[in-house]
Structure formats: structure tokens, C-alpha cells
Amino acid sequence: MAAIPITARGAGMLKAELNRLKAVERPTVIQAIKDAREKGDLTENAEYEAARERQGFIEGRIKELEASCRLCR
């Protein structure tokens, strides 16, 4: 696959976002899921559902950024 043209600044911003998602956002959402699970019944737990949705977004964005960063090199 051909490389996507990107500035050094743009590549740096993508890498910074990737690092933030992995180091801050992912652990935060994992803790939120753990906390919501401790509250009991998951079938009617809005906090749990919101945390799971957020986790799905974060994981998808991480995969997207990892693919982009590979192409930027």
C-alpha cells in the first residue's frame, strides 16, 4: 500500500493521540467498566453500556491510528 502524504507535524499529532489513547483513555475506560460491573445488574446499567461504547470507540480509533502511523513512515 502506498504511503499517505503527511507533514511531520501531522504525523506527530497522530502519534500523540495514539499515545494518549493507549496511556490515558484506555485505562480510564477499563476502570469505568470495572466500577460499573461492581454496581450489579448489567442489563439495566447505563454507566456500563456507556463505558462499553466508549471502549469500542477507543479501540477502533487505536487500530485506525496504528494503521495510519504505519503508512506515514
Protein backbone atom coordinates (compact mmCIF):
# COMPACT_ATOMS: atom_id res chain seq x y z
CA MET A 1 0.00 0.00 0.00
CA ALA A 2 1.32 3.45 -0.88
CA ALA A 3 2.27 5.91 1.85
CA ILE A 4 -0.12 8.74 2.59
CA PRO A 5 1.50 12.18 2.36
CA ILE A 6 1.53 13.86 5.76
CA THR A 7 3.53 16.60 7.36
CA ALA A 8 5.90 15.91 10.23
CA ARG A 9 3.61 17.97 12.46
CA GLY A 10 0.56 15.96 11.38
CA ALA A 11 2.37 12.66 12.00
CA GLY A 12 3.40 13.92 15.42
CA MET A 13 -0.20 14.83 16.25
CA LEU A 14 -1.40 11.35 15.23
CA LYS A 15 1.30 9.70 17.33
CA ALA A 16 0.44 11.93 20.31
CA GLU A 17 -3.24 11.00 20.01
CA LEU A 18 -2.33 7.31 19.80
CA ASN A 19 -0.14 7.57 22.90
CA ARG A 20 -2.89 9.43 24.81
CA LEU A 21 -5.49 6.85 23.87
CA LYS A 22 -3.26 3.99 25.00
CA ALA A 23 -1.84 5.60 28.14
CA VAL A 24 -4.81 7.62 29.44
CA GLU A 25 -8.12 6.86 27.74
CA ARG A 26 -7.89 3.07 27.59
CA PRO A 27 -7.02 2.61 31.30
CA THR A 28 -9.71 5.14 32.27
CA VAL A 29 -12.45 3.32 30.38
CA ILE A 30 -11.30 -0.05 31.69
CA GLN A 31 -11.64 1.31 35.23
CA ALA A 32 -15.08 2.74 34.40
CA ILE A 33 -16.22 -0.68 33.16
CA LYS A 34 -14.86 -2.32 36.30
CA ASP A 35 -16.65 0.21 38.52
CA ALA A 36 -19.93 -0.23 36.63
CA ARG A 37 -19.70 -4.03 36.92
CA GLU A 38 -19.37 -3.73 40.68
CA LYS A 39 -22.76 -2.00 40.81
CA GLY A 40 -24.55 -5.23 39.97
CA ASP A 41 -27.09 -5.98 37.24
CA LEU A 42 -25.54 -5.11 33.87
CA THR A 43 -28.77 -5.40 31.87
CA GLU A 44 -30.06 -2.03 33.08
CA ASN A 45 -26.76 -0.35 33.88
CA ALA A 46 -26.42 2.77 31.72
CA GLU A 47 -22.93 3.51 33.03
CA TYR A 48 -21.75 0.09 31.91
CA GLU A 49 -23.28 0.49 28.45
CA ALA A 50 -21.74 3.96 28.04
CA ALA A 51 -18.33 2.72 29.12
CA ARG A 52 -18.51 -0.23 26.71
CA GLU A 53 -19.46 2.10 23.85
CA ARG A 54 -16.57 4.39 24.74
CA GLN A 55 -14.23 1.40 24.86
CA GLY A 56 -15.34 0.35 21.38
CA PHE A 57 -14.67 3.82 20.03
CA ILE A 58 -11.25 3.99 21.68
CA GLU A 59 -10.18 0.56 20.44
CA GLY A 60 -11.36 1.35 16.92
CA ARG A 61 -9.51 4.66 16.90
CA ILE A 62 -6.34 2.99 18.18
CA LYS A 63 -6.47 0.48 15.32
CA GLU A 64 -7.10 3.28 12.83
CA LEU A 65 -4.20 5.34 14.12
CA GLU A 66 -1.84 2.38 14.24
CA ALA A 67 -2.62 1.66 10.59
CA SER A 68 -2.17 5.34 9.69
CA CYS A 69 1.10 5.65 11.54
CA ARG A 70 2.47 2.61 9.72
CA LEU A 71 1.60 4.25 6.40
CA CYS A 72 3.16 7.57 7.45
CA ARG A 73 6.66 6.18 7.77
